[in-house]
Amino acid sequence: MALDSAKKAEIIAKFAKKSGDTGSTEVQVALLSARISELTEHLKIYKKDFSSRLGLLKLVGQRKRLLSYLKRKDHNSYIKLINELKLRDK
């Protein structure tokens, strides 16, 4: 369930801090969010696909850890990111 390269490039361009930035926390969270939404749609159709469900849970955990890190390090960027991605803050 990997993202196609055009969609991935579009997400990177939108959330990158500078040209060539693919590893910043914001970009990683945005890419994970896109993969999570695709997997969620897949699991609505294929309810018994338990290996994909496990992968989804791992992605959600990874995104949660990255968001926690971003919240500690740069709170303003965190607020901006969750508003753009329409994520909830606990």
N, C-alpha and C. Protein backbone atom coordinates (compact mmCIF):
# COMPACT_ATOMS: atom_id res chain seq x y z
N MET A 1 0.81 -1.19 0.00
CA MET A 1 0.00 0.00 0.00
C MET A 1 0.87 1.27 0.00
N ALA A 2 1.93 1.24 -0.75
CA ALA A 2 2.81 2.39 -0.79
C ALA A 2 2.18 3.52 -1.59
N LEU A 3 2.58 4.72 -1.27
CA LEU A 3 2.10 5.89 -2.00
C LEU A 3 2.77 5.95 -3.37
N ASP A 4 2.06 6.41 -4.37
CA ASP A 4 2.71 6.59 -5.67
C ASP A 4 3.62 7.81 -5.61
N SER A 5 4.61 7.84 -6.49
CA SER A 5 5.66 8.85 -6.39
C SER A 5 5.13 10.27 -6.61
N ALA A 6 4.11 10.44 -7.43
CA ALA A 6 3.58 11.79 -7.67
C ALA A 6 2.91 12.34 -6.42
N LYS A 7 2.12 11.50 -5.75
CA LYS A 7 1.45 11.95 -4.53
C LYS A 7 2.47 12.21 -3.42
N LYS A 8 3.46 11.35 -3.35
CA LYS A 8 4.51 11.51 -2.35
C LYS A 8 5.28 12.81 -2.57
N ALA A 9 5.62 13.11 -3.82
CA ALA A 9 6.34 14.35 -4.14
C ALA A 9 5.49 15.57 -3.81
N GLU A 10 4.19 15.48 -4.05
CA GLU A 10 3.28 16.59 -3.74
C GLU A 10 3.24 16.86 -2.23
N ILE A 11 3.17 15.80 -1.44
CA ILE A 11 3.14 15.95 0.02
C ILE A 11 4.46 16.53 0.52
N ILE A 12 5.56 16.03 -0.02
CA ILE A 12 6.88 16.53 0.40
C ILE A 12 7.01 18.01 0.06
N ALA A 13 6.56 18.40 -1.13
CA ALA A 13 6.65 19.81 -1.54
C ALA A 13 5.80 20.70 -0.64
N LYS A 14 4.67 20.20 -0.21
CA LYS A 14 3.77 21.01 0.61
C LYS A 14 4.31 21.22 2.03
N PHE A 15 4.92 20.20 2.61
CA PHE A 15 5.31 20.27 4.02
C PHE A 15 6.81 20.45 4.25
N ALA A 16 7.61 20.50 3.19
CA ALA A 16 9.06 20.65 3.35
C ALA A 16 9.41 22.05 3.84
N LYS A 17 10.42 22.12 4.68
CA LYS A 17 10.88 23.41 5.20
C LYS A 17 11.76 24.13 4.18
N LYS A 18 12.51 23.36 3.39
CA LYS A 18 13.38 23.92 2.37
C LYS A 18 13.44 22.93 1.21
N SER A 19 14.08 23.30 0.14
CA SER A 19 14.19 22.42 -1.02
C SER A 19 14.99 21.17 -0.68
N GLY A 20 14.49 20.02 -1.07
CA GLY A 20 15.19 18.77 -0.80
C GLY A 20 14.95 18.20 0.58
N ASP A 21 14.05 18.78 1.33
CA ASP A 21 13.78 18.33 2.69
C ASP A 21 12.78 17.18 2.65
N THR A 22 13.26 15.97 2.95
CA THR A 22 12.37 14.82 2.98
C THR A 22 12.34 14.16 4.35
N GLY A 23 13.18 14.59 5.26
CA GLY A 23 13.30 13.90 6.53
C GLY A 23 12.82 14.67 7.72
N SER A 24 12.32 15.89 7.54
CA SER A 24 11.87 16.65 8.70
C SER A 24 10.64 15.97 9.30
N THR A 25 10.40 16.26 10.53
CA THR A 25 9.29 15.63 11.25
C THR A 25 7.96 15.92 10.59
N GLU A 26 7.78 17.14 10.11
CA GLU A 26 6.52 17.52 9.48
C GLU A 26 6.26 16.68 8.22
N VAL A 27 7.29 16.49 7.41
CA VAL A 27 7.14 15.70 6.19
C VAL A 27 6.85 14.25 6.53
N GLN A 28 7.56 13.71 7.51
CA GLN A 28 7.35 12.32 7.91
C GLN A 28 5.92 12.11 8.40
N VAL A 29 5.43 13.02 9.22
CA VAL A 29 4.06 12.89 9.74
C VAL A 29 3.04 13.00 8.62
N ALA A 30 3.27 13.90 7.67
CA ALA A 30 2.33 14.05 6.55
C ALA A 30 2.31 12.80 5.68
N LEU A 31 3.47 12.21 5.42
CA LEU A 31 3.52 10.98 4.63
C LEU A 31 2.85 9.82 5.37
N LEU A 32 3.11 9.73 6.66
CA LEU A 32 2.46 8.68 7.44
C LEU A 32 0.95 8.85 7.46
N SER A 33 0.49 10.09 7.56
CA SER A 33 -0.95 10.35 7.57
C SER A 33 -1.60 9.93 6.26
N ALA A 34 -0.92 10.16 5.16
CA ALA A 34 -1.46 9.75 3.85
C ALA A 34 -1.53 8.23 3.76
N ARG A 35 -0.49 7.55 4.22
CA ARG A 35 -0.50 6.08 4.20
C ARG A 35 -1.57 5.53 5.14
N ILE A 36 -1.76 6.16 6.28
CA ILE A 36 -2.77 5.72 7.24
C ILE A 36 -4.17 5.86 6.63
N SER A 37 -4.42 6.97 5.95
CA SER A 37 -5.75 7.15 5.36
C SER A 37 -6.00 6.13 4.25
N GLU A 38 -4.97 5.81 3.45
CA GLU A 38 -5.13 4.80 2.41
C GLU A 38 -5.39 3.42 3.01
N LEU A 39 -4.65 3.08 4.05
CA LEU A 39 -4.85 1.78 4.69
C LEU A 39 -6.21 1.69 5.36
N THR A 40 -6.68 2.79 5.91
CA THR A 40 -8.00 2.80 6.54
C THR A 40 -9.09 2.52 5.51
N GLU A 41 -8.97 3.14 4.34
CA GLU A 41 -9.94 2.88 3.27
C GLU A 41 -9.86 1.43 2.80
N HIS A 42 -8.66 0.89 2.71
CA HIS A 42 -8.47 -0.51 2.32
C HIS A 42 -9.14 -1.44 3.32
N LEU A 43 -8.98 -1.15 4.60
CA LEU A 43 -9.53 -2.03 5.63
C LEU A 43 -11.04 -1.91 5.76
N LYS A 44 -11.62 -0.82 5.26
CA LYS A 44 -13.09 -0.74 5.23
C LYS A 44 -13.66 -1.76 4.25
N ILE A 45 -12.91 -2.03 3.19
CA ILE A 45 -13.35 -2.99 2.18
C ILE A 45 -12.98 -4.43 2.60
N TYR A 46 -11.72 -4.61 3.00
CA TYR A 46 -11.21 -5.94 3.34
C TYR A 46 -11.08 -6.05 4.85
N LYS A 47 -12.16 -6.37 5.51
CA LYS A 47 -12.21 -6.36 6.97
C LYS A 47 -11.33 -7.43 7.62
N LYS A 48 -11.03 -8.51 6.91
CA LYS A 48 -10.27 -9.61 7.50
C LYS A 48 -8.79 -9.58 7.15
N ASP A 49 -8.31 -8.48 6.63
CA ASP A 49 -6.90 -8.34 6.27
C ASP A 49 -6.12 -7.93 7.52
N PHE A 50 -5.78 -8.92 8.33
CA PHE A 50 -5.18 -8.64 9.63
C PHE A 50 -3.73 -8.19 9.54
N SER A 51 -3.01 -8.60 8.52
CA SER A 51 -1.62 -8.15 8.39
C SER A 51 -1.57 -6.66 8.05
N SER A 52 -2.51 -6.21 7.24
CA SER A 52 -2.56 -4.77 6.96
C SER A 52 -3.01 -3.99 8.18
N ARG A 53 -3.89 -4.58 8.97
CA ARG A 53 -4.34 -3.94 10.21
C ARG A 53 -3.17 -3.75 11.17
N LEU A 54 -2.31 -4.77 11.26
CA LEU A 54 -1.12 -4.67 12.12
C LEU A 54 -0.19 -3.57 11.61
N GLY A 55 -0.01 -3.51 10.29
CA GLY A 55 0.81 -2.44 9.71
C GLY A 55 0.23 -1.08 9.99
N LEU A 56 -1.10 -0.97 9.93
CA LEU A 56 -1.77 0.30 10.23
C LEU A 56 -1.50 0.72 11.67
N LEU A 57 -1.60 -0.22 12.59
CA LEU A 57 -1.35 0.10 14.00
C LEU A 57 0.09 0.56 14.22
N LYS A 58 1.02 -0.05 13.52
CA LYS A 58 2.43 0.35 13.63
C LYS A 58 2.63 1.77 13.10
N LEU A 59 1.97 2.08 11.97
CA LEU A 59 2.08 3.42 11.41
C LEU A 59 1.48 4.46 12.34
N VAL A 60 0.34 4.14 12.95
CA VAL A 60 -0.30 5.08 13.88
C VAL A 60 0.61 5.32 15.08
N GLY A 61 1.24 4.28 15.58
CA GLY A 61 2.16 4.43 16.71
C GLY A 61 3.37 5.28 16.36
N GLN A 62 3.90 5.07 15.16
CA GLN A 62 5.05 5.85 14.71
C GLN A 62 4.67 7.32 14.56
N ARG A 63 3.49 7.58 13.97
CA ARG A 63 3.04 8.96 13.82
C ARG A 63 2.83 9.61 15.19
N LYS A 64 2.31 8.85 16.13
CA LYS A 64 2.08 9.38 17.48
C LYS A 64 3.40 9.77 18.14
N ARG A 65 4.42 8.93 17.97
CA ARG A 65 5.72 9.26 18.55
C ARG A 65 6.33 10.50 17.91
N LEU A 66 6.22 10.61 16.58
CA LEU A 66 6.75 11.78 15.89
C LEU A 66 6.01 13.05 16.30
N LEU A 67 4.69 12.96 16.45
CA LEU A 67 3.92 14.13 16.88
C LEU A 67 4.27 14.53 18.31
N SER A 68 4.51 13.55 19.16
CA SER A 68 4.91 13.85 20.54
C SER A 68 6.25 14.57 20.55
N TYR A 69 7.19 14.11 19.73
CA TYR A 69 8.50 14.76 19.62
C TYR A 69 8.35 16.20 19.12
N LEU A 70 7.54 16.37 18.08
CA LEU A 70 7.36 17.71 17.51
C LEU A 70 6.70 18.64 18.51
N LYS A 71 5.77 18.12 19.29
CA LYS A 71 5.08 18.94 20.29
C LYS A 71 6.06 19.44 21.35
N ARG A 72 7.01 18.58 21.73
CA ARG A 72 8.03 18.97 22.71
C ARG A 72 9.01 19.98 22.14
N LYS A 73 9.45 19.78 20.89
CA LYS A 73 10.52 20.58 20.33
C LYS A 73 10.06 21.90 19.71
N ASP A 74 8.92 21.88 19.01
CA ASP A 74 8.46 23.08 18.30
C ASP A 74 6.94 23.11 18.32
N HIS A 75 6.39 23.69 19.38
CA HIS A 75 4.94 23.64 19.59
C HIS A 75 4.16 24.38 18.50
N ASN A 76 4.68 25.50 18.03
CA ASN A 76 3.99 26.26 16.98
C ASN A 76 3.88 25.45 15.68
N SER A 77 4.95 24.78 15.32
CA SER A 77 4.94 23.94 14.13
C SER A 77 3.98 22.77 14.31
N TYR A 78 3.92 22.24 15.52
CA TYR A 78 3.00 21.14 15.85
C TYR A 78 1.54 21.58 15.65
N ILE A 79 1.19 22.73 16.17
CA ILE A 79 -0.18 23.24 16.04
C ILE A 79 -0.53 23.46 14.57
N LYS A 80 0.40 24.04 13.82
CA LYS A 80 0.17 24.28 12.39
C LYS A 80 -0.03 22.97 11.64
N LEU A 81 0.78 21.97 11.96
CA LEU A 81 0.71 20.69 11.27
C LEU A 81 -0.59 19.95 11.55
N ILE A 82 -1.01 19.90 12.81
CA ILE A 82 -2.24 19.16 13.10
C ILE A 82 -3.46 19.87 12.54
N ASN A 83 -3.40 21.19 12.41
CA ASN A 83 -4.51 21.91 11.77
C ASN A 83 -4.57 21.62 10.27
N GLU A 84 -3.42 21.56 9.62
CA GLU A 84 -3.39 21.28 8.18
C GLU A 84 -3.81 19.85 7.87
N LEU A 85 -3.42 18.91 8.73
CA LEU A 85 -3.74 17.50 8.49
C LEU A 85 -5.08 17.10 9.11
N LYS A 86 -5.71 18.03 9.82
CA LYS A 86 -6.99 17.78 10.48
C LYS A 86 -6.91 16.61 11.47
N LEU A 87 -5.85 16.65 12.30
CA LEU A 87 -5.66 15.66 13.34
C LEU A 87 -6.12 16.23 14.66
N ARG A 88 -6.46 15.36 15.58
CA ARG A 88 -6.90 15.82 16.90
C ARG A 88 -5.72 15.88 17.86
N ASP A 89 -5.77 16.83 18.77
CA ASP A 89 -4.78 16.93 19.83
C ASP A 89 -5.44 16.43 21.10
N LYS A 90 -4.74 15.55 21.81
CA LYS A 90 -5.38 15.01 23.01
C LYS A 90 -5.32 15.92 24.18
